[in-house]
């Protein structure tokens, strides 16, 4: 999250907000980076002529969705299970945590259905992930990406309209300028994205499925079968 878009967001909020509201805010930090990526990705895909660049761009996008939207949701579910055990007064042993994590990884990656083989050794992966040693916040990675997809969709749609408009873009920039002065939900809703509805998530799923479809089409043209049964 050290991209130029993120730095610009910090600078913009610092310039237009009180200094106490210009600090780190995960939704505001991750959002600009994702929106910038999406706004540049579609023109890049349309303009590229190189046969290897297109699958690279699509693969990079899909990996980003896997590690933020998909994997961070799994992390959040793991953390929730940890908290639920603690509330019940159950001991949080390494063996128990590894078992919980292993079962989640197998479920998310479709081990039982033969989609992706998950070795039992993945159960100990939780121990080196620093997120789990802080407060409960990893879900914000997923919600930030979901919101960003919808924001980018709105900006692209108005730019492609006849005549084009900048209302959604301006609302997005206004949201960034507000810094951390208000709750992210309220600022996103004012910018046209209501996270209390299913539409932002549906937009993210359309983005993910569209990316997968585009990659599969490339593999089909090359006569390469879509890989199944890999590892996470």
C-alpha atoms as a PDB file:
ATOM      1  CA  UNK A   1       0.000   0.000   0.000  1.00  0.00           C
ATOM      2  CA  UNK A   2       2.876   2.361  -0.668  1.00  0.00           C
ATOM      3  CA  UNK A   3       1.664   3.239  -4.149  1.00  0.00           C
ATOM      4  CA  UNK A   4       1.467   6.759  -5.532  1.00  0.00           C
ATOM      5  CA  UNK A   5      -2.320   6.585  -5.236  1.00  0.00           C
ATOM      6  CA  UNK A   6      -2.070   5.853  -1.525  1.00  0.00           C
ATOM      7  CA  UNK A   7       0.447   8.632  -0.942  1.00  0.00           C
ATOM      8  CA  UNK A   8      -1.736  11.041  -2.888  1.00  0.00           C
ATOM      9  CA  UNK A   9      -4.713  10.051  -0.753  1.00  0.00           C
ATOM     10  CA  UNK A  10      -2.790  10.796   2.428  1.00  0.00           C
ATOM     11  CA  UNK A  11      -1.544  14.114   1.088  1.00  0.00           C
ATOM     12  CA  UNK A  12      -5.007  15.105  -0.108  1.00  0.00           C
ATOM     13  CA  UNK A  13      -6.717  14.326   3.174  1.00  0.00           C
ATOM     14  CA  UNK A  14      -3.971  16.107   5.104  1.00  0.00           C
ATOM     15  CA  UNK A  15      -4.469  19.195   2.968  1.00  0.00           C
ATOM     16  CA  UNK A  16      -8.266  19.302   3.289  1.00  0.00           C
ATOM     17  CA  UNK A  17      -8.893  17.771   6.738  1.00  0.00           C
ATOM     18  CA  UNK A  18      -7.760  18.538  10.249  1.00  0.00           C
ATOM     19  CA  UNK A  19      -4.482  16.803  11.014  1.00  0.00           C
ATOM     20  CA  UNK A  20      -6.109  14.486  13.577  1.00  0.00           C
ATOM     21  CA  UNK A  21      -8.221  12.982  10.756  1.00  0.00           C
ATOM     22  CA  UNK A  22      -5.437  12.509   8.210  1.00  0.00           C
ATOM     23  CA  UNK A  23      -3.856   9.407   9.718  1.00  0.00           C
ATOM     24  CA  UNK A  24      -3.970   5.753   8.710  1.00  0.00           C
ATOM     25  CA  UNK A  25      -7.381   4.324   7.877  1.00  0.00           C
ATOM     26  CA  UNK A  26      -7.250   0.908   6.206  1.00  0.00           C
ATOM     27  CA  UNK A  27     -10.354   1.368   4.037  1.00  0.00           C
ATOM     28  CA  UNK A  28      -9.116   4.731   2.794  1.00  0.00           C
ATOM     29  CA  UNK A  29      -5.566   3.461   2.275  1.00  0.00           C
ATOM     30  CA  UNK A  30      -6.397   0.298   0.346  1.00  0.00           C
ATOM     31  CA  UNK A  31      -9.274   1.872  -1.580  1.00  0.00           C
ATOM     32  CA  UNK A  32      -7.307   4.358  -3.730  1.00  0.00           C
ATOM     33  CA  UNK A  33      -4.738   1.726  -4.653  1.00  0.00           C
ATOM     34  CA  UNK A  34      -7.416  -0.718  -5.825  1.00  0.00           C
ATOM     35  CA  UNK A  35      -9.484   1.907  -7.640  1.00  0.00           C
ATOM     36  CA  UNK A  36      -6.383   3.165  -9.458  1.00  0.00           C
ATOM     37  CA  UNK A  37      -5.465  -0.387 -10.459  1.00  0.00           C
ATOM     38  CA  UNK A  38      -8.921  -1.097 -11.849  1.00  0.00           C
ATOM     39  CA  UNK A  39      -9.164   2.201 -13.735  1.00  0.00           C
ATOM     40  CA  UNK A  40      -5.844   1.519 -15.451  1.00  0.00           C
ATOM     41  CA  UNK A  41      -6.335  -2.239 -15.939  1.00  0.00           C
ATOM     42  CA  UNK A  42      -9.215  -2.086 -18.406  1.00  0.00           C
ATOM     43  CA  UNK A  43      -7.523   0.345 -20.837  1.00  0.00           C
ATOM     44  CA  UNK A  44      -4.316  -1.702 -20.572  1.00  0.00           C
ATOM     45  CA  UNK A  45      -6.176  -4.917 -21.438  1.00  0.00           C
ATOM     46  CA  UNK A  46      -7.901  -3.221 -24.359  1.00  0.00           C
ATOM     47  CA  UNK A  47      -4.745  -1.685 -25.796  1.00  0.00           C
ATOM     48  CA  UNK A  48      -2.175  -4.433 -25.293  1.00  0.00           C
ATOM     49  CA  UNK A  49      -1.126  -6.364 -28.390  1.00  0.00           C
ATOM     50  CA  UNK A  50       1.446  -8.613 -26.770  1.00  0.00           C
ATOM     51  CA  UNK A  51       0.194 -12.188 -26.335  1.00  0.00           C
ATOM     52  CA  UNK A  52       1.895 -12.592 -22.957  1.00  0.00           C
ATOM     53  CA  UNK A  53       0.993  -9.227 -21.445  1.00  0.00           C
ATOM     54  CA  UNK A  54      -2.737  -9.849 -21.359  1.00  0.00           C
ATOM     55  CA  UNK A  55      -2.572 -13.105 -19.314  1.00  0.00           C
ATOM     56  CA  UNK A  56       0.004 -11.439 -17.053  1.00  0.00           C
ATOM     57  CA  UNK A  57      -2.364  -8.542 -16.312  1.00  0.00           C
ATOM     58  CA  UNK A  58      -5.312 -10.863 -15.778  1.00  0.00           C
ATOM     59  CA  UNK A  59      -3.260 -13.230 -13.610  1.00  0.00           C
ATOM     60  CA  UNK A  60      -1.998 -10.363 -11.484  1.00  0.00           C
ATOM     61  CA  UNK A  61      -5.548  -9.108 -10.997  1.00  0.00           C
ATOM     62  CA  UNK A  62      -6.819 -12.552 -10.047  1.00  0.00           C
ATOM     63  CA  UNK A  63      -3.985 -13.072  -7.572  1.00  0.00           C
ATOM     64  CA  UNK A  64      -4.829  -9.729  -5.976  1.00  0.00           C
ATOM     65  CA  UNK A  65      -8.449 -10.819  -5.580  1.00  0.00           C
ATOM     66  CA  UNK A  66      -7.341 -14.160  -4.134  1.00  0.00           C
ATOM     67  CA  UNK A  67      -5.053 -12.641  -1.533  1.00  0.00           C
ATOM     68  CA  UNK A  68      -7.339  -9.800  -0.442  1.00  0.00           C
ATOM     69  CA  UNK A  69     -10.985 -10.633  -1.101  1.00  0.00           C
ATOM     70  CA  UNK A  70     -10.762 -14.436  -0.790  1.00  0.00           C
ATOM     71  CA  UNK A  71      -7.882 -15.111   1.595  1.00  0.00           C
ATOM     72  CA  UNK A  72      -8.505 -12.226   3.989  1.00  0.00           C
ATOM     73  CA  UNK A  73     -12.122 -13.364   4.353  1.00  0.00           C
ATOM     74  CA  UNK A  74     -10.773 -16.765   5.349  1.00  0.00           C
ATOM     75  CA  UNK A  75      -8.450 -15.046   7.821  1.00  0.00           C
ATOM     76  CA  UNK A  76     -11.403 -13.158   9.311  1.00  0.00           C
ATOM     77  CA  UNK A  77     -13.372 -16.384   9.750  1.00  0.00           C
ATOM     78  CA  UNK A  78     -10.371 -17.946  11.470  1.00  0.00           C
ATOM     79  CA  UNK A  79     -10.106 -14.995  13.843  1.00  0.00           C
ATOM     80  CA  UNK A  80     -13.833 -15.188  14.564  1.00  0.00           C
ATOM     81  CA  UNK A  81     -13.508 -18.840  15.525  1.00  0.00           C
ATOM     82  CA  UNK A  82     -10.587 -17.968  17.820  1.00  0.00           C
ATOM     83  CA  UNK A  83     -12.638 -15.288  19.577  1.00  0.00           C
ATOM     84  CA  UNK A  84     -15.617 -17.623  19.925  1.00  0.00           C
ATOM     85  CA  UNK A  85     -13.415 -20.244  21.584  1.00  0.00           C
ATOM     86  CA  UNK A  86     -11.984 -17.646  23.955  1.00  0.00           C
ATOM     87  CA  UNK A  87     -15.475 -16.459  24.889  1.00  0.00           C
ATOM     88  CA  UNK A  88     -16.365 -20.043  25.795  1.00  0.00           C
ATOM     89  CA  UNK A  89     -13.296 -20.254  28.005  1.00  0.00           C
ATOM     90  CA  UNK A  90     -11.648 -22.945  25.877  1.00  0.00           C
ATOM     91  CA  UNK A  91      -7.829 -23.095  25.778  1.00  0.00           C
ATOM     92  CA  UNK A  92      -6.206 -21.770  22.585  1.00  0.00           C
ATOM     93  CA  UNK A  93      -3.501 -24.341  22.063  1.00  0.00           C
ATOM     94  CA  UNK A  94      -1.284 -24.447  19.007  1.00  0.00           C
ATOM     95  CA  UNK A  95      -2.721 -27.821  18.083  1.00  0.00           C
ATOM     96  CA  UNK A  96      -6.298 -26.534  18.202  1.00  0.00           C
ATOM     97  CA  UNK A  97      -5.498 -23.388  16.213  1.00  0.00           C
ATOM     98  CA  UNK A  98      -3.642 -25.400  13.565  1.00  0.00           C
ATOM     99  CA  UNK A  99      -6.604 -27.734  13.251  1.00  0.00           C
ATOM    100  CA  UNK A 100      -9.057 -24.861  12.837  1.00  0.00           C
ATOM    101  CA  UNK A 101      -6.876 -23.159  10.262  1.00  0.00           C
ATOM    102  CA  UNK A 102      -6.201 -26.368   8.313  1.00  0.00           C
ATOM    103  CA  UNK A 103      -9.921 -27.136   8.068  1.00  0.00           C
ATOM    104  CA  UNK A 104     -10.694 -23.617   6.835  1.00  0.00           C
ATOM    105  CA  UNK A 105      -7.973 -23.713   4.182  1.00  0.00           C
ATOM    106  CA  UNK A 106      -9.256 -27.064   2.945  1.00  0.00           C
ATOM    107  CA  UNK A 107     -12.816 -25.745   2.838  1.00  0.00           C
ATOM    108  CA  UNK A 108     -11.958 -22.496   1.059  1.00  0.00           C
ATOM    109  CA  UNK A 109      -9.712 -24.126  -1.532  1.00  0.00           C
ATOM    110  CA  UNK A 110     -12.044 -27.042  -2.228  1.00  0.00           C
ATOM    111  CA  UNK A 111      -9.804 -29.853  -1.040  1.00  0.00           C
ATOM    112  CA  UNK A 112     -12.667 -32.356  -0.603  1.00  0.00           C
ATOM    113  CA  UNK A 113     -13.973 -31.589  -4.092  1.00  0.00           C
ATOM    114  CA  UNK A 114     -10.586 -32.038  -5.725  1.00  0.00           C
ATOM    115  CA  UNK A 115     -10.320 -28.386  -6.741  1.00  0.00           C
ATOM    116  CA  UNK A 116      -7.065 -27.706  -4.908  1.00  0.00           C
ATOM    117  CA  UNK A 117      -5.088 -30.218  -2.868  1.00  0.00           C
ATOM    118  CA  UNK A 118      -4.186 -28.857   0.575  1.00  0.00           C
ATOM    119  CA  UNK A 119      -1.440 -30.577   2.565  1.00  0.00           C
ATOM    120  CA  UNK A 120      -2.077 -30.874   6.301  1.00  0.00           C
ATOM    121  CA  UNK A 121       1.155 -28.945   6.906  1.00  0.00           C
ATOM    122  CA  UNK A 122      -0.692 -25.779   5.828  1.00  0.00           C
ATOM    123  CA  UNK A 123      -2.431 -25.929   9.192  1.00  0.00           C
ATOM    124  CA  UNK A 124       0.519 -24.251  10.903  1.00  0.00           C
ATOM    125  CA  UNK A 125       0.581 -21.323   8.460  1.00  0.00           C
ATOM    126  CA  UNK A 126      -1.436 -19.164  10.872  1.00  0.00           C
ATOM    127  CA  UNK A 127       1.544 -18.937  13.245  1.00  0.00           C
ATOM    128  CA  UNK A 128       3.646 -16.695  10.986  1.00  0.00           C
ATOM    129  CA  UNK A 129       0.854 -14.384   9.772  1.00  0.00           C
ATOM    130  CA  UNK A 130       1.276 -11.104  11.700  1.00  0.00           C
ATOM    131  CA  UNK A 131      -2.366 -10.034  11.246  1.00  0.00           C
ATOM    132  CA  UNK A 132      -3.469 -12.532  13.879  1.00  0.00           C
ATOM    133  CA  UNK A 133      -1.353 -10.890  16.563  1.00  0.00           C
ATOM    134  CA  UNK A 134      -3.203  -7.577  16.318  1.00  0.00           C
ATOM    135  CA  UNK A 135      -6.812  -6.521  16.767  1.00  0.00           C
ATOM    136  CA  UNK A 136      -9.683  -7.908  14.699  1.00  0.00           C
ATOM    137  CA  UNK A 137      -9.333  -6.005  11.441  1.00  0.00           C
ATOM    138  CA  UNK A 138      -8.439  -8.291   8.514  1.00  0.00           C
ATOM    139  CA  UNK A 139     -12.017  -8.275   7.201  1.00  0.00           C
ATOM    140  CA  UNK A 140     -11.394  -4.673   6.163  1.00  0.00           C
ATOM    141  CA  UNK A 141      -9.074  -5.832   3.381  1.00  0.00           C
ATOM    142  CA  UNK A 142     -11.957  -7.722   1.794  1.00  0.00           C
ATOM    143  CA  UNK A 143     -14.563  -5.002   2.339  1.00  0.00           C
ATOM    144  CA  UNK A 144     -12.164  -2.370   0.981  1.00  0.00           C
ATOM    145  CA  UNK A 145     -11.609  -4.323  -2.223  1.00  0.00           C
ATOM    146  CA  UNK A 146     -15.346  -4.933  -2.622  1.00  0.00           C
ATOM    147  CA  UNK A 147     -16.119  -1.234  -2.189  1.00  0.00           C
ATOM    148  CA  UNK A 148     -13.307  -0.247  -4.551  1.00  0.00           C
ATOM    149  CA  UNK A 149     -14.611  -2.463  -7.359  1.00  0.00           C
ATOM    150  CA  UNK A 150     -17.985  -0.750  -7.167  1.00  0.00           C
ATOM    151  CA  UNK A 151     -16.410   2.708  -7.005  1.00  0.00           C
ATOM    152  CA  UNK A 152     -14.317   1.982 -10.098  1.00  0.00           C
ATOM    153  CA  UNK A 153     -17.351   0.567 -11.928  1.00  0.00           C
ATOM    154  CA  UNK A 154     -19.283   3.781 -11.282  1.00  0.00           C
ATOM    155  CA  UNK A 155     -16.425   5.991 -12.450  1.00  0.00           C
ATOM    156  CA  UNK A 156     -15.868   3.969 -15.628  1.00  0.00           C
ATOM    157  CA  UNK A 157     -19.572   3.886 -16.443  1.00  0.00           C
ATOM    158  CA  UNK A 158     -19.988   7.642 -16.247  1.00  0.00           C
ATOM    159  CA  UNK A 159     -16.815   8.235 -18.278  1.00  0.00           C
ATOM    160  CA  UNK A 160     -18.180   5.986 -21.039  1.00  0.00           C
ATOM    161  CA  UNK A 161     -21.628   7.621 -21.036  1.00  0.00           C
ATOM    162  CA  UNK A 162     -22.801  10.001 -23.753  1.00  0.00           C
ATOM    163  CA  UNK A 163     -22.200  12.690 -22.703  1.00  0.00           C
ATOM    164  CA  UNK A 164     -19.598  11.713 -20.094  1.00  0.00           C
ATOM    165  CA  UNK A 165     -19.919  12.885 -16.501  1.00  0.00           C
ATOM    166  CA  UNK A 166     -17.621  13.348 -13.516  1.00  0.00           C
ATOM    167  CA  UNK A 167     -20.178  13.228 -10.685  1.00  0.00           C
ATOM    168  CA  UNK A 168     -19.090   9.803  -9.394  1.00  0.00           C
ATOM    169  CA  UNK A 169     -15.417  10.679  -9.733  1.00  0.00           C
ATOM    170  CA  UNK A 170     -15.945  13.919  -7.830  1.00  0.00           C
ATOM    171  CA  UNK A 171     -17.844  12.095  -5.073  1.00  0.00           C
ATOM    172  CA  UNK A 172     -14.980   9.623  -4.780  1.00  0.00           C
ATOM    173  CA  UNK A 173     -12.368  12.391  -4.523  1.00  0.00           C
ATOM    174  CA  UNK A 174     -14.504  14.142  -1.903  1.00  0.00           C
ATOM    175  CA  UNK A 175     -14.559  10.913   0.094  1.00  0.00           C
ATOM    176  CA  UNK A 176     -10.763  10.680  -0.038  1.00  0.00           C
ATOM    177  CA  UNK A 177     -10.411  14.292   1.033  1.00  0.00           C
ATOM    178  CA  UNK A 178     -12.498  13.591   4.144  1.00  0.00           C
ATOM    179  CA  UNK A 179      -9.683  11.442   5.504  1.00  0.00           C
ATOM    180  CA  UNK A 180     -10.620   9.532   8.645  1.00  0.00           C
ATOM    181  CA  UNK A 181     -13.067  12.158   9.877  1.00  0.00           C
ATOM    182  CA  UNK A 182     -16.096   9.837   9.590  1.00  0.00           C
ATOM    183  CA  UNK A 183     -16.917   6.151   9.515  1.00  0.00           C
ATOM    184  CA  UNK A 184     -15.969   4.459   6.248  1.00  0.00           C
ATOM    185  CA  UNK A 185     -19.497   3.129   5.757  1.00  0.00           C
ATOM    186  CA  UNK A 186     -21.010   6.620   5.844  1.00  0.00           C
ATOM    187  CA  UNK A 187     -18.429   8.064   3.456  1.00  0.00           C
ATOM    188  CA  UNK A 188     -18.796   5.206   0.997  1.00  0.00           C
ATOM    189  CA  UNK A 189     -22.574   5.505   1.023  1.00  0.00           C
ATOM    190  CA  UNK A 190     -22.285   9.213   0.296  1.00  0.00           C
ATOM    191  CA  UNK A 191     -19.998   8.338  -2.625  1.00  0.00           C
ATOM    192  CA  UNK A 192     -22.680   6.014  -4.017  1.00  0.00           C
ATOM    193  CA  UNK A 193     -21.633   2.633  -2.579  1.00  0.00           C
ATOM    194  CA  UNK A 194     -23.908   1.199   0.105  1.00  0.00           C
ATOM    195  CA  UNK A 195     -22.035  -1.572   1.879  1.00  0.00           C
ATOM    196  CA  UNK A 196     -25.218  -2.634   3.679  1.00  0.00           C
ATOM    197  CA  UNK A 197     -26.500  -4.055   0.381  1.00  0.00           C
ATOM    198  CA  UNK A 198     -25.282  -7.044  -1.617  1.00  0.00           C
ATOM    199  CA  UNK A 199     -24.544  -5.044  -4.787  1.00  0.00           C
ATOM    200  CA  UNK A 200     -20.889  -4.167  -3.994  1.00  0.00           C
ATOM    201  CA  UNK A 201     -20.169  -7.850  -3.325  1.00  0.00           C
ATOM    202  CA  UNK A 202     -22.001  -8.840  -6.509  1.00  0.00           C
ATOM    203  CA  UNK A 203     -19.871  -6.347  -8.448  1.00  0.00           C
ATOM    204  CA  UNK A 204     -16.692  -7.865  -6.999  1.00  0.00           C
ATOM    205  CA  UNK A 205     -17.868 -11.359  -7.964  1.00  0.00           C
ATOM    206  CA  UNK A 206     -18.589 -10.177 -11.503  1.00  0.00           C
ATOM    207  CA  UNK A 207     -15.076  -8.769 -11.639  1.00  0.00           C
ATOM    208  CA  UNK A 208     -13.539 -12.020 -10.389  1.00  0.00           C
ATOM    209  CA  UNK A 209     -15.632 -14.248 -12.655  1.00  0.00           C
ATOM    210  CA  UNK A 210     -14.956 -12.008 -15.639  1.00  0.00           C
ATOM    211  CA  UNK A 211     -11.229 -12.217 -14.992  1.00  0.00           C
ATOM    212  CA  UNK A 212     -11.360 -16.007 -14.747  1.00  0.00           C
ATOM    213  CA  UNK A 213     -13.433 -16.250 -17.938  1.00  0.00           C
ATOM    214  CA  UNK A 214     -10.949 -14.068 -19.819  1.00  0.00           C
ATOM    215  CA  UNK A 215      -8.019 -16.198 -18.662  1.00  0.00           C
ATOM    216  CA  UNK A 216      -9.797 -19.436 -19.568  1.00  0.00           C
ATOM    217  CA  UNK A 217     -10.535 -18.062 -23.039  1.00  0.00           C
ATOM    218  CA  UNK A 218      -6.810 -17.404 -23.545  1.00  0.00           C
ATOM    219  CA  UNK A 219      -5.925 -20.910 -22.375  1.00  0.00           C
ATOM    220  CA  UNK A 220      -8.536 -22.408 -24.704  1.00  0.00           C
ATOM    221  CA  UNK A 221      -7.127 -20.503 -27.682  1.00  0.00           C
ATOM    222  CA  UNK A 222      -3.667 -21.788 -26.818  1.00  0.00           C
ATOM    223  CA  UNK A 223      -4.933 -25.331 -26.435  1.00  0.00           C
ATOM    224  CA  UNK A 224      -3.986 -25.384 -22.777  1.00  0.00           C
ATOM    225  CA  UNK A 225      -6.354 -27.027 -20.335  1.00  0.00           C
ATOM    226  CA  UNK A 226      -7.400 -25.032 -17.303  1.00  0.00           C
ATOM    227  CA  UNK A 227      -5.306 -26.368 -14.369  1.00  0.00           C
ATOM    228  CA  UNK A 228      -7.232 -28.237 -11.691  1.00  0.00           C
ATOM    229  CA  UNK A 229      -5.959 -29.778  -8.476  1.00  0.00           C
ATOM    230  CA  UNK A 230      -3.154 -27.318  -7.800  1.00  0.00           C
ATOM    231  CA  UNK A 231      -1.954 -26.037  -4.456  1.00  0.00           C
ATOM    232  CA  UNK A 232      -2.863 -22.770  -2.653  1.00  0.00           C
END
